[in-house]
Amino acid sequence: MLEIYDTTASFPADERFGLTRQLRRATVSIPSNIAEGAGRASSGDFARFLRLAAGSACEVETQLDLSLDLSYLGPGEHRRLLQELAQIKAMLRGLERSLTG
């Protein structure tokens, strides 16, 4: 979701240390947790980190909703980002299911 960086660049300057920072942090947390989990010794550990990544994805979803409510995002951009996020969440669920059987 590299688009989050482009998207948040247009947020108001007074959000630089608020919503912008929080949204970017949560977005970066998704692949970071996947990478950390992939480096673990067991599939159970990996699955746990995938659940953490999914939690970060839910956090991003909430922050995107707030960004729409504050009119930092337009409805079309909001919808497009949520659709991409839904695909990521589905992939995370599928990968977790493949590990936990």
C-alpha atoms as a PDB file:
ATOM      1  CA  MET A   1       0.000   0.000   0.000  1.00  0.00           C
ATOM      2  CA  LEU A   2       2.613   2.484  -1.064  1.00  0.00           C
ATOM      3  CA  GLU A   3      -0.248   4.741  -2.157  1.00  0.00           C
ATOM      4  CA  ILE A   4      -0.731   5.625   1.501  1.00  0.00           C
ATOM      5  CA  TYR A   5       2.462   7.698   1.390  1.00  0.00           C
ATOM      6  CA  ASP A   6       1.254   9.618  -1.667  1.00  0.00           C
ATOM      7  CA  THR A   7      -2.220   9.985  -0.209  1.00  0.00           C
ATOM      8  CA  THR A   8      -1.111  11.244   3.191  1.00  0.00           C
ATOM      9  CA  ALA A   9       1.286  13.751   1.610  1.00  0.00           C
ATOM     10  CA  SER A  10      -1.784  15.846   0.794  1.00  0.00           C
ATOM     11  CA  PHE A  11      -3.165  15.712   4.357  1.00  0.00           C
ATOM     12  CA  PRO A  12      -3.043  18.992   6.302  1.00  0.00           C
ATOM     13  CA  ALA A  13       0.341  19.906   7.788  1.00  0.00           C
ATOM     14  CA  ASP A  14      -1.102  19.864  11.307  1.00  0.00           C
ATOM     15  CA  GLU A  15      -1.818  16.133  10.825  1.00  0.00           C
ATOM     16  CA  ARG A  16       1.849  15.350  10.118  1.00  0.00           C
ATOM     17  CA  PHE A  17       2.367  14.017  13.648  1.00  0.00           C
ATOM     18  CA  GLY A  18      -1.185  12.764  14.074  1.00  0.00           C
ATOM     19  CA  LEU A  19      -3.229  10.853  11.558  1.00  0.00           C
ATOM     20  CA  THR A  20      -0.583  10.926   8.821  1.00  0.00           C
ATOM     21  CA  ARG A  21       2.039   9.373  11.055  1.00  0.00           C
ATOM     22  CA  GLN A  22      -0.401   6.843  12.515  1.00  0.00           C
ATOM     23  CA  LEU A  23      -1.684   5.767   9.106  1.00  0.00           C
ATOM     24  CA  ARG A  24       1.808   5.347   7.694  1.00  0.00           C
ATOM     25  CA  ARG A  25       2.980   3.442  10.770  1.00  0.00           C
ATOM     26  CA  ALA A  26       0.058   1.020  10.642  1.00  0.00           C
ATOM     27  CA  THR A  27       0.540   0.517   6.904  1.00  0.00           C
ATOM     28  CA  VAL A  28       4.240  -0.263   7.307  1.00  0.00           C
ATOM     29  CA  SER A  29       3.390  -2.641  10.139  1.00  0.00           C
ATOM     30  CA  ILE A  30       1.533  -4.977   7.757  1.00  0.00           C
ATOM     31  CA  PRO A  31       4.502  -6.150   5.639  1.00  0.00           C
ATOM     32  CA  SER A  32       6.860  -5.812   8.616  1.00  0.00           C
ATOM     33  CA  ASN A  33       4.858  -8.365  10.608  1.00  0.00           C
ATOM     34  CA  ILE A  34       4.685 -10.680   7.592  1.00  0.00           C
ATOM     35  CA  ALA A  35       8.463 -10.495   7.187  1.00  0.00           C
ATOM     36  CA  GLU A  36       9.124 -11.043  10.875  1.00  0.00           C
ATOM     37  CA  GLY A  37       6.758 -13.996  10.976  1.00  0.00           C
ATOM     38  CA  ALA A  38       8.325 -15.556   7.886  1.00  0.00           C
ATOM     39  CA  GLY A  39      11.656 -15.520   9.694  1.00  0.00           C
ATOM     40  CA  ARG A  40      10.320 -17.447  12.682  1.00  0.00           C
ATOM     41  CA  ALA A  41      11.063 -21.085  13.310  1.00  0.00           C
ATOM     42  CA  SER A  42       7.538 -22.448  13.278  1.00  0.00           C
ATOM     43  CA  SER A  43       4.386 -22.088  11.231  1.00  0.00           C
ATOM     44  CA  GLY A  44       2.511 -21.294  14.453  1.00  0.00           C
ATOM     45  CA  ASP A  45       4.749 -18.288  15.051  1.00  0.00           C
ATOM     46  CA  PHE A  46       4.313 -17.217  11.451  1.00  0.00           C
ATOM     47  CA  ALA A  47       0.518 -17.490  11.782  1.00  0.00           C
ATOM     48  CA  ARG A  48       0.636 -15.337  14.925  1.00  0.00           C
ATOM     49  CA  PHE A  49       2.495 -12.587  13.066  1.00  0.00           C
ATOM     50  CA  LEU A  50       0.005 -12.837  10.201  1.00  0.00           C
ATOM     51  CA  ARG A  51      -2.749 -12.149  12.720  1.00  0.00           C
ATOM     52  CA  LEU A  52      -0.794  -9.100  13.905  1.00  0.00           C
ATOM     53  CA  ALA A  53      -0.525  -7.942  10.284  1.00  0.00           C
ATOM     54  CA  ALA A  54      -4.287  -8.406   9.920  1.00  0.00           C
ATOM     55  CA  GLY A  55      -4.820  -6.308  13.032  1.00  0.00           C
ATOM     56  CA  SER A  56      -2.705  -3.546  11.519  1.00  0.00           C
ATOM     57  CA  ALA A  57      -4.811  -3.781   8.353  1.00  0.00           C
ATOM     58  CA  CYS A  58      -7.930  -3.240  10.464  1.00  0.00           C
ATOM     59  CA  GLU A  59      -6.236  -0.236  12.050  1.00  0.00           C
ATOM     60  CA  VAL A  60      -5.516   1.186   8.575  1.00  0.00           C
ATOM     61  CA  GLU A  61      -9.149   0.635   7.619  1.00  0.00           C
ATOM     62  CA  THR A  62     -10.355   2.637  10.619  1.00  0.00           C
ATOM     63  CA  GLN A  63      -7.895   5.431   9.904  1.00  0.00           C
ATOM     64  CA  LEU A  64      -8.988   5.580   6.261  1.00  0.00           C
ATOM     65  CA  ASP A  65     -12.593   5.895   7.439  1.00  0.00           C
ATOM     66  CA  LEU A  66     -11.582   8.746   9.722  1.00  0.00           C
ATOM     67  CA  SER A  67      -9.692  10.381   6.850  1.00  0.00           C
ATOM     68  CA  LEU A  68     -12.879  10.270   4.786  1.00  0.00           C
ATOM     69  CA  ASP A  69     -14.939  11.686   7.667  1.00  0.00           C
ATOM     70  CA  LEU A  70     -12.446  14.567   7.996  1.00  0.00           C
ATOM     71  CA  SER A  71     -12.594  15.147   4.210  1.00  0.00           C
ATOM     72  CA  TYR A  72      -8.890  14.373   3.787  1.00  0.00           C
ATOM     73  CA  LEU A  73      -9.900  11.649   1.293  1.00  0.00           C
ATOM     74  CA  GLY A  74     -12.544  11.749  -1.380  1.00  0.00           C
ATOM     75  CA  PRO A  75     -15.077   8.910  -1.596  1.00  0.00           C
ATOM     76  CA  GLY A  76     -13.473   7.407  -4.717  1.00  0.00           C
ATOM     77  CA  GLU A  77      -9.984   7.333  -3.270  1.00  0.00           C
ATOM     78  CA  HIS A  78     -11.335   5.972   0.019  1.00  0.00           C
ATOM     79  CA  ARG A  79     -13.184   3.188  -1.802  1.00  0.00           C
ATOM     80  CA  ARG A  80     -10.133   2.312  -3.918  1.00  0.00           C
ATOM     81  CA  LEU A  81      -7.838   2.094  -0.891  1.00  0.00           C
ATOM     82  CA  LEU A  82     -10.366   0.004   1.041  1.00  0.00           C
ATOM     83  CA  GLN A  83     -10.680  -2.397  -1.900  1.00  0.00           C
ATOM     84  CA  GLU A  84      -6.911  -2.835  -1.995  1.00  0.00           C
ATOM     85  CA  LEU A  85      -6.864  -3.329   1.763  1.00  0.00           C
ATOM     86  CA  ALA A  86      -9.633  -5.948   1.494  1.00  0.00           C
ATOM     87  CA  GLN A  87      -7.476  -7.900  -0.973  1.00  0.00           C
ATOM     88  CA  ILE A  88      -4.525  -7.761   1.411  1.00  0.00           C
ATOM     89  CA  LYS A  89      -6.687  -8.955   4.305  1.00  0.00           C
ATOM     90  CA  ALA A  90      -8.013 -11.840   2.191  1.00  0.00           C
ATOM     91  CA  MET A  91      -4.462 -12.879   1.275  1.00  0.00           C
ATOM     92  CA  LEU A  92      -3.444 -12.774   4.931  1.00  0.00           C
ATOM     93  CA  ARG A  93      -6.406 -14.977   5.912  1.00  0.00           C
ATOM     94  CA  GLY A  94      -5.583 -17.443   3.136  1.00  0.00           C
ATOM     95  CA  LEU A  95      -1.942 -17.667   4.099  1.00  0.00           C
ATOM     96  CA  GLU A  96      -2.830 -18.115   7.762  1.00  0.00           C
ATOM     97  CA  ARG A  97      -5.287 -20.917   6.877  1.00  0.00           C
ATOM     98  CA  SER A  98      -2.583 -22.645   4.837  1.00  0.00           C
ATOM     99  CA  LEU A  99      -0.309 -22.629   7.895  1.00  0.00           C
ATOM    100  CA  THR A 100      -2.850 -23.696  10.479  1.00  0.00           C
ATOM    101  CA  GLY A 101      -4.722 -26.209   8.331  1.00  0.00           C
END
